[in-house]
């Protein structure tokens, strides 16, 4: 049986991820590398997306 609360939350997270992806596309590589240096877990998240 479908859990609507969980489904709604998943859709929300997916939309949030899309917004983050759009923002990341607009970042220049230098800024992105600085962010990755500051937040190592961000690197893992990005690697999992590509």
PDB file of N, CA and C in Angstrom:
ATOM      1  N   UNK A   1       0.832  -1.189   0.000  1.00  0.00           N
ATOM      2  CA  UNK A   1       0.000   0.000   0.000  1.00  0.00           C
ATOM      3  C   UNK A   1       0.878   1.255   0.000  1.00  0.00           C
ATOM      4  N   UNK A   2       0.459   2.241  -0.727  1.00  0.00           N
ATOM      5  CA  UNK A   2       1.236   3.464  -0.890  1.00  0.00           C
ATOM      6  C   UNK A   2       1.097   4.366   0.330  1.00  0.00           C
ATOM      7  N   UNK A   3       2.227   4.830   0.840  1.00  0.00           N
ATOM      8  CA  UNK A   3       2.230   5.777   1.958  1.00  0.00           C
ATOM      9  C   UNK A   3       2.331   7.181   1.375  1.00  0.00           C
ATOM     10  N   UNK A   4       1.197   7.900   1.380  1.00  0.00           N
ATOM     11  CA  UNK A   4       1.155   9.210   0.721  1.00  0.00           C
ATOM     12  C   UNK A   4       2.089  10.217   1.372  1.00  0.00           C
ATOM     13  N   UNK A   5       2.231  10.154   2.686  1.00  0.00           N
ATOM     14  CA  UNK A   5       3.143  11.063   3.375  1.00  0.00           C
ATOM     15  C   UNK A   5       4.572  10.870   2.905  1.00  0.00           C
ATOM     16  N   UNK A   6       4.967   9.605   2.814  1.00  0.00           N
ATOM     17  CA  UNK A   6       6.327   9.291   2.366  1.00  0.00           C
ATOM     18  C   UNK A   6       6.505   9.655   0.894  1.00  0.00           C
ATOM     19  N   UNK A   7       5.488   9.393   0.082  1.00  0.00           N
ATOM     20  CA  UNK A   7       5.554   9.727  -1.342  1.00  0.00           C
ATOM     21  C   UNK A   7       5.683  11.230  -1.526  1.00  0.00           C
ATOM     22  N   UNK A   8       4.883  11.986  -0.781  1.00  0.00           N
ATOM     23  CA  UNK A   8       4.927  13.448  -0.860  1.00  0.00           C
ATOM     24  C   UNK A   8       6.308  13.957  -0.460  1.00  0.00           C
ATOM     25  N   UNK A   9       6.865  13.372   0.595  1.00  0.00           N
ATOM     26  CA  UNK A   9       8.191  13.771   1.067  1.00  0.00           C
ATOM     27  C   UNK A   9       9.245  13.453   0.004  1.00  0.00           C
ATOM     28  N   UNK A  10       9.146  12.305  -0.643  1.00  0.00           N
ATOM     29  CA  UNK A  10      10.095  11.923  -1.690  1.00  0.00           C
ATOM     30  C   UNK A  10      10.033  12.882  -2.868  1.00  0.00           C
ATOM     31  N   UNK A  11       8.824  13.266  -3.268  1.00  0.00           N
ATOM     32  CA  UNK A  11       8.660  14.218  -4.369  1.00  0.00           C
ATOM     33  C   UNK A  11       9.270  15.561  -3.975  1.00  0.00           C
ATOM     34  N   UNK A  12       9.059  15.975  -2.739  1.00  0.00           N
ATOM     35  CA  UNK A  12       9.642  17.219  -2.252  1.00  0.00           C
ATOM     36  C   UNK A  12      11.158  17.182  -2.290  1.00  0.00           C
ATOM     37  N   UNK A  13      11.734  16.059  -1.861  1.00  0.00           N
ATOM     38  CA  UNK A  13      13.187  15.924  -1.884  1.00  0.00           C
ATOM     39  C   UNK A  13      13.712  15.905  -3.307  1.00  0.00           C
ATOM     40  N   UNK A  14      12.977  15.282  -4.213  1.00  0.00           N
ATOM     41  CA  UNK A  14      13.386  15.239  -5.614  1.00  0.00           C
ATOM     42  C   UNK A  14      13.398  16.645  -6.205  1.00  0.00           C
ATOM     43  N   UNK A  15      12.357  17.420  -5.927  1.00  0.00           N
ATOM     44  CA  UNK A  15      12.307  18.800  -6.415  1.00  0.00           C
ATOM     45  C   UNK A  15      13.445  19.627  -5.826  1.00  0.00           C
ATOM     46  N   UNK A  16      13.735  19.407  -4.550  1.00  0.00           N
ATOM     47  CA  UNK A  16      14.832  20.103  -3.885  1.00  0.00           C
ATOM     48  C   UNK A  16      16.161  19.748  -4.560  1.00  0.00           C
ATOM     49  N   UNK A  17      16.347  18.471  -4.869  1.00  0.00           N
ATOM     50  CA  UNK A  17      17.573  18.023  -5.539  1.00  0.00           C
ATOM     51  C   UNK A  17      17.704  18.657  -6.921  1.00  0.00           C
ATOM     52  N   UNK A  18      16.576  18.798  -7.630  1.00  0.00           N
ATOM     53  CA  UNK A  18      16.605  19.440  -8.950  1.00  0.00           C
ATOM     54  C   UNK A  18      17.031  20.894  -8.835  1.00  0.00           C
ATOM     55  N   UNK A  19      16.520  21.591  -7.824  1.00  0.00           N
ATOM     56  CA  UNK A  19      16.893  22.994  -7.612  1.00  0.00           C
ATOM     57  C   UNK A  19      18.381  23.109  -7.299  1.00  0.00           C
ATOM     58  N   UNK A  20      18.881  22.195  -6.474  1.00  0.00           N
ATOM     59  CA  UNK A  20      20.311  22.200  -6.142  1.00  0.00           C
ATOM     60  C   UNK A  20      21.135  21.947  -7.402  1.00  0.00           C
ATOM     61  N   UNK A  21      20.698  20.995  -8.227  1.00  0.00           N
ATOM     62  CA  UNK A  21      21.421  20.697  -9.465  1.00  0.00           C
ATOM     63  C   UNK A  21      21.476  21.910 -10.378  1.00  0.00           C
ATOM     64  N   UNK A  22      20.354  22.625 -10.494  1.00  0.00           N
ATOM     65  CA  UNK A  22      20.331  23.838 -11.326  1.00  0.00           C
ATOM     66  C   UNK A  22      21.305  24.874 -10.789  1.00  0.00           C
ATOM     67  N   UNK A  23      21.310  25.052  -9.476  1.00  0.00           N
ATOM     68  CA  UNK A  23      22.212  26.030  -8.858  1.00  0.00           C
ATOM     69  C   UNK A  23      23.668  25.628  -9.070  1.00  0.00           C
ATOM     70  N   UNK A  24      23.950  24.335  -8.962  1.00  0.00           N
ATOM     71  CA  UNK A  24      25.325  23.870  -9.142  1.00  0.00           C
ATOM     72  C   UNK A  24      25.809  24.091 -10.572  1.00  0.00           C
ATOM     73  N   UNK A  25      24.912  23.955 -11.538  1.00  0.00           N
ATOM     74  CA  UNK A  25      25.289  24.185 -12.932  1.00  0.00           C
ATOM     75  C   UNK A  25      25.727  25.627 -13.150  1.00  0.00           C
ATOM     76  N   UNK A  26      25.173  26.544 -12.353  1.00  0.00           N
ATOM     77  CA  UNK A  26      25.490  27.961 -12.512  1.00  0.00           C
ATOM     78  C   UNK A  26      26.772  28.353 -11.780  1.00  0.00           C
ATOM     79  N   UNK A  27      27.274  27.473 -10.907  1.00  0.00           N
ATOM     80  CA  UNK A  27      28.502  27.776 -10.183  1.00  0.00           C
ATOM     81  C   UNK A  27      29.710  27.570 -11.090  1.00  0.00           C
ATOM     82  N   UNK A  28      30.713  28.425 -10.920  1.00  0.00           N
ATOM     83  CA  UNK A  28      31.949  28.181 -11.650  1.00  0.00           C
ATOM     84  C   UNK A  28      32.741  27.100 -10.907  1.00  0.00           C
ATOM     85  N   UNK A  29      33.679  26.497 -11.601  1.00  0.00           N
ATOM     86  CA  UNK A  29      34.401  25.356 -11.035  1.00  0.00           C
ATOM     87  C   UNK A  29      35.201  25.728  -9.787  1.00  0.00           C
ATOM     88  N   UNK A  30      35.741  26.933  -9.755  1.00  0.00           N
ATOM     89  CA  UNK A  30      36.532  27.344  -8.590  1.00  0.00           C
ATOM     90  C   UNK A  30      35.661  27.400  -7.338  1.00  0.00           C
ATOM     91  N   UNK A  31      34.481  27.985  -7.468  1.00  0.00           N
ATOM     92  CA  UNK A  31      33.559  28.066  -6.332  1.00  0.00           C
ATOM     93  C   UNK A  31      33.126  26.675  -5.903  1.00  0.00           C
ATOM     94  N   UNK A  32      32.836  25.827  -6.878  1.00  0.00           N
ATOM     95  CA  UNK A  32      32.411  24.460  -6.579  1.00  0.00           C
ATOM     96  C   UNK A  32      33.513  23.700  -5.842  1.00  0.00           C
ATOM     97  N   UNK A  33      34.758  23.845  -6.287  1.00  0.00           N
ATOM     98  CA  UNK A  33      35.851  23.131  -5.620  1.00  0.00           C
ATOM     99  C   UNK A  33      36.059  23.645  -4.195  1.00  0.00           C
ATOM    100  N   UNK A  34      35.841  24.950  -3.975  1.00  0.00           N
ATOM    101  CA  UNK A  34      35.937  25.492  -2.613  1.00  0.00           C
ATOM    102  C   UNK A  34      34.841  24.913  -1.721  1.00  0.00           C
ATOM    103  N   UNK A  35      33.637  24.795  -2.268  1.00  0.00           N
ATOM    104  CA  UNK A  35      32.532  24.205  -1.502  1.00  0.00           C
ATOM    105  C   UNK A  35      32.835  22.761  -1.137  1.00  0.00           C
ATOM    106  N   UNK A  36      33.385  22.019  -2.099  1.00  0.00           N
ATOM    107  CA  UNK A  36      33.699  20.608  -1.860  1.00  0.00           C
ATOM    108  C   UNK A  36      34.787  20.483  -0.795  1.00  0.00           C
ATOM    109  N   UNK A  37      35.768  21.398  -0.825  1.00  0.00           N
ATOM    110  CA  UNK A  37      36.809  21.384   0.207  1.00  0.00           C
ATOM    111  C   UNK A  37      36.212  21.630   1.590  1.00  0.00           C
ATOM    112  N   UNK A  38      35.240  22.521   1.668  1.00  0.00           N
ATOM    113  CA  UNK A  38      34.624  22.857   2.956  1.00  0.00           C
ATOM    114  C   UNK A  38      33.660  21.771   3.438  1.00  0.00           C
ATOM    115  N   UNK A  39      33.002  21.105   2.492  1.00  0.00           N
ATOM    116  CA  UNK A  39      31.992  20.101   2.848  1.00  0.00           C
ATOM    117  C   UNK A  39      32.299  18.783   2.141  1.00  0.00           C
ATOM    118  N   UNK A  40      33.161  17.946   2.747  1.00  0.00           N
ATOM    119  CA  UNK A  40      33.548  16.679   2.100  1.00  0.00           C
ATOM    120  C   UNK A  40      32.353  15.795   1.741  1.00  0.00           C
ATOM    121  N   UNK A  41      31.286  15.847   2.550  1.00  0.00           N
ATOM    122  CA  UNK A  41      30.124  14.998   2.247  1.00  0.00           C
ATOM    123  C   UNK A  41      29.436  15.443   0.959  1.00  0.00           C
ATOM    124  N   UNK A  42      29.625  16.711   0.585  1.00  0.00           N
ATOM    125  CA  UNK A  42      29.058  17.208  -0.670  1.00  0.00           C
ATOM    126  C   UNK A  42      29.681  16.484  -1.864  1.00  0.00           C
ATOM    127  N   UNK A  43      30.987  16.227  -1.775  1.00  0.00           N
ATOM    128  CA  UNK A  43      31.673  15.518  -2.862  1.00  0.00           C
ATOM    129  C   UNK A  43      31.028  14.148  -3.080  1.00  0.00           C
ATOM    130  N   UNK A  44      30.793  13.421  -1.987  1.00  0.00           N
ATOM    131  CA  UNK A  44      30.184  12.094  -2.100  1.00  0.00           C
ATOM    132  C   UNK A  44      28.793  12.178  -2.708  1.00  0.00           C
ATOM    133  N   UNK A  45      28.021  13.169  -2.293  1.00  0.00           N
ATOM    134  CA  UNK A  45      26.673  13.346  -2.826  1.00  0.00           C
ATOM    135  C   UNK A  45      26.723  13.615  -4.319  1.00  0.00           C
ATOM    136  N   UNK A  46      27.634  14.492  -4.729  1.00  0.00           N
ATOM    137  CA  UNK A  46      27.750  14.824  -6.150  1.00  0.00           C
ATOM    138  C   UNK A  46      28.213  13.623  -6.957  1.00  0.00           C
ATOM    139  N   UNK A  47      29.170  12.881  -6.437  1.00  0.00           N
ATOM    140  CA  UNK A  47      29.676  11.709  -7.155  1.00  0.00           C
ATOM    141  C   UNK A  47      28.578  10.671  -7.347  1.00  0.00           C
ATOM    142  N   UNK A  48      27.694  10.558  -6.366  1.00  0.00           N
ATOM    143  CA  UNK A  48      26.604   9.588  -6.472  1.00  0.00           C
ATOM    144  C   UNK A  48      25.577   9.992  -7.520  1.00  0.00           C
ATOM    145  N   UNK A  49      25.526  11.291  -7.868  1.00  0.00           N
ATOM    146  CA  UNK A  49      24.539  11.753  -8.840  1.00  0.00           C
ATOM    147  C   UNK A  49      24.991  11.545 -10.278  1.00  0.00           C
ATOM    148  N   UNK A  50      26.316  11.424 -10.486  1.00  0.00           N
ATOM    149  CA  UNK A  50      26.809  11.379 -11.871  1.00  0.00           C
ATOM    150  C   UNK A  50      27.397  10.048 -12.235  1.00  0.00           C
TER     151      UNK A  50
END
